[in-house]
Amino acid sequence: MIQKKILLYLSLASFLSTPAWAINKEYRQKLEQSGCTQVSEAQGCDINKTKAENIRAGFVNDDSSKASTASPYTGQWQAMSDSGAAVANISIDANDKVTINGKGIKAKKLDGGLQFKQGKIIYTIQGDRRLEGEDVWRDTDAGTQGKILKR
């Protein structure tokens, strides 16, 4: 009796551990070769045509391999003191390379923002542009701080 239970549990465990695929191998290959997705196929993309034919028909985005969104940090920025004086001019390119007053600075992405340091001043620019007032600089030596504004 115990052996039957063990056999039942082993067969049940074996059954439950096998992978379940949403689509079969042949269908997946047709999708890849045609450039279609399951969604675009439902909208008329033909999985039996080539990717080029589906691009001409407007169902496949030809530059899908390229990133479609630019970095939220790209542009010209200015660090401002509480009195309104400019502390630093910051430039960030499309690859998130930072220059402060013309000098290249090493930057790192941290907690959803881009953070970089020059001397005792730490600059942080928030990646989510919907959040306002979170682009700040802080001088850890002097104890001063201020906002960073996009120009």
Protein backbone atom coordinates (compact mmCIF):
# COMPACT_ATOMS: atom_id res chain seq x y z
CA MET A 1 0.00 0.00 0.00
CA ILE A 2 2.81 2.40 0.86
CA GLN A 3 4.59 1.51 -2.37
CA LYS A 4 1.46 2.41 -4.36
CA LYS A 5 1.28 5.80 -2.65
CA ILE A 6 4.96 6.44 -3.31
CA LEU A 7 4.54 5.45 -6.95
CA LEU A 8 1.48 7.70 -7.25
CA TYR A 9 3.31 10.67 -5.71
CA LEU A 10 6.38 10.13 -7.89
CA SER A 11 4.33 9.95 -11.07
CA LEU A 12 2.34 13.03 -10.02
CA ALA A 13 5.56 14.93 -9.28
CA SER A 14 7.01 13.88 -12.62
CA PHE A 15 3.90 15.07 -14.44
CA LEU A 16 3.84 18.41 -12.65
CA SER A 17 7.52 19.11 -13.26
CA THR A 18 7.34 18.78 -17.05
CA PRO A 19 7.37 22.14 -18.87
CA ALA A 20 4.18 23.42 -20.43
CA TRP A 21 4.67 25.35 -23.67
CA ALA A 22 2.15 27.91 -24.83
CA ILE A 23 3.12 27.37 -28.48
CA ASN A 24 4.72 24.44 -30.24
CA LYS A 25 8.17 24.44 -31.85
CA GLU A 26 7.01 24.66 -35.47
CA TYR A 27 4.67 27.59 -34.77
CA ARG A 28 7.42 29.42 -32.87
CA GLN A 29 9.82 28.95 -35.84
CA LYS A 30 7.21 30.29 -38.27
CA LEU A 31 6.70 33.34 -36.05
CA GLU A 32 10.46 34.00 -35.94
CA GLN A 33 10.95 33.57 -39.71
CA SER A 34 7.98 35.75 -40.58
CA GLY A 35 8.79 38.48 -38.07
CA CYS A 36 5.26 38.20 -36.69
CA THR A 37 4.19 38.01 -33.08
CA GLN A 38 1.09 36.29 -31.80
CA VAL A 39 -0.56 39.71 -31.49
CA SER A 40 0.41 40.89 -34.99
CA GLU A 41 -0.70 37.56 -36.45
CA ALA A 42 -4.15 38.15 -35.00
CA GLN A 43 -4.11 41.55 -36.72
CA GLY A 44 -3.31 40.02 -40.12
CA CYS A 45 0.44 39.31 -40.19
CA ASP A 46 0.96 36.16 -42.31
CA ILE A 47 3.29 33.62 -40.68
CA ASN A 48 3.66 31.81 -44.02
CA LYS A 49 5.27 34.88 -45.66
CA THR A 50 8.84 36.10 -45.24
CA LYS A 51 9.81 38.86 -42.85
CA ALA A 52 10.48 41.20 -45.81
CA GLU A 53 6.96 40.62 -47.18
CA ASN A 54 5.43 41.31 -43.77
CA ILE A 55 7.54 44.48 -43.40
CA ARG A 56 6.19 45.74 -46.75
CA ALA A 57 2.67 44.94 -45.57
CA GLY A 58 3.32 47.03 -42.44
CA PHE A 59 3.08 44.30 -39.84
CA VAL A 60 6.72 44.13 -38.73
CA ASN A 61 8.75 46.97 -37.27
CA ASP A 62 12.01 46.80 -39.24
CA ASP A 63 14.11 48.60 -36.62
CA SER A 64 12.87 46.51 -33.70
CA SER A 65 16.45 45.75 -32.71
CA LYS A 66 17.16 49.41 -32.00
CA ALA A 67 16.20 51.02 -28.70
CA SER A 68 13.19 53.21 -29.25
CA THR A 69 13.53 55.39 -26.18
CA ALA A 70 16.26 57.91 -25.50
CA SER A 71 17.98 58.16 -22.16
CA PRO A 72 16.03 60.40 -19.75
CA TYR A 73 19.33 61.97 -18.69
CA THR A 74 20.43 63.20 -22.14
CA GLY A 75 20.78 66.94 -22.47
CA GLN A 76 22.15 70.08 -20.88
CA TRP A 77 21.65 70.61 -17.15
CA GLN A 78 22.57 73.32 -14.69
CA ALA A 79 23.20 72.89 -10.97
CA MET A 80 21.81 75.91 -9.14
CA SER A 81 22.39 77.19 -5.61
CA ASP A 82 19.56 78.35 -3.36
CA SER A 83 20.46 81.95 -4.24
CA GLY A 84 20.05 81.21 -7.98
CA ALA A 85 23.74 81.17 -8.89
CA ALA A 86 25.00 78.48 -11.27
CA VAL A 87 27.16 75.92 -9.47
CA ALA A 88 27.96 73.75 -12.51
CA ASN A 89 27.04 73.20 -16.16
CA ILE A 90 26.35 69.52 -16.81
CA SER A 91 26.16 67.82 -20.19
CA ILE A 92 24.99 64.22 -20.64
CA ASP A 93 25.12 62.45 -24.01
CA ALA A 94 22.93 59.61 -25.34
CA ASN A 95 25.29 57.02 -23.79
CA ASP A 96 25.01 58.67 -20.35
CA LYS A 97 28.56 60.05 -20.53
CA VAL A 98 28.72 63.04 -18.18
CA THR A 99 30.79 66.21 -18.42
CA ILE A 100 30.77 68.90 -15.74
CA ASN A 101 32.09 72.29 -16.89
CA GLY A 102 33.78 70.51 -19.82
CA LYS A 103 35.49 67.80 -17.73
CA GLY A 104 34.51 64.12 -18.15
CA ILE A 105 33.09 62.53 -15.01
CA LYS A 106 32.36 58.89 -14.21
CA ALA A 107 28.65 58.24 -13.60
CA LYS A 108 26.67 55.31 -12.27
CA LYS A 109 23.00 54.42 -12.28
CA LEU A 110 21.71 54.05 -8.75
CA ASP A 111 18.17 53.77 -7.36
CA GLY A 112 16.48 54.85 -10.59
CA GLY A 113 18.76 57.83 -11.11
CA LEU A 114 22.12 58.80 -12.54
CA GLN A 115 24.65 59.72 -9.88
CA PHE A 116 28.07 61.27 -10.36
CA LYS A 117 30.61 62.98 -8.14
CA GLN A 118 33.08 65.82 -8.63
CA GLY A 119 35.25 66.46 -5.60
CA LYS A 120 32.95 66.62 -2.57
CA ILE A 121 29.83 67.39 -4.61
CA ILE A 122 27.43 64.54 -5.43
CA TYR A 123 24.97 65.10 -8.27
CA THR A 124 21.83 62.99 -8.72
CA ILE A 125 19.47 63.19 -11.70
CA GLN A 126 16.28 61.15 -11.39
CA GLY A 127 15.48 58.79 -14.27
CA ASP A 128 11.69 59.09 -13.96
CA ARG A 129 11.00 62.50 -15.49
CA ARG A 130 7.51 62.58 -13.96
CA LEU A 131 9.07 63.14 -10.53
CA GLU A 132 9.75 66.82 -10.01
CA GLY A 133 12.29 68.40 -7.68
CA GLU A 134 14.39 65.24 -7.27
CA ASP A 135 17.32 66.34 -9.45
CA VAL A 136 19.70 67.61 -6.77
CA TRP A 137 23.34 68.24 -5.90
CA ARG A 138 24.84 68.05 -2.43
CA ASP A 139 28.22 69.35 -1.22
CA THR A 140 29.15 66.99 1.61
CA ASP A 141 32.04 69.20 2.75
CA ALA A 142 30.26 72.56 2.93
CA GLY A 143 26.84 71.11 3.79
CA THR A 144 25.14 72.97 0.95
CA GLN A 145 22.72 71.64 -1.63
CA GLY A 146 20.54 72.75 -4.49
CA LYS A 147 18.50 71.78 -7.50
CA ILE A 148 19.58 70.66 -10.94
CA LEU A 149 17.52 72.14 -13.78
CA LYS A 150 17.32 71.02 -17.39
CA ARG A 151 18.19 73.82 -19.81
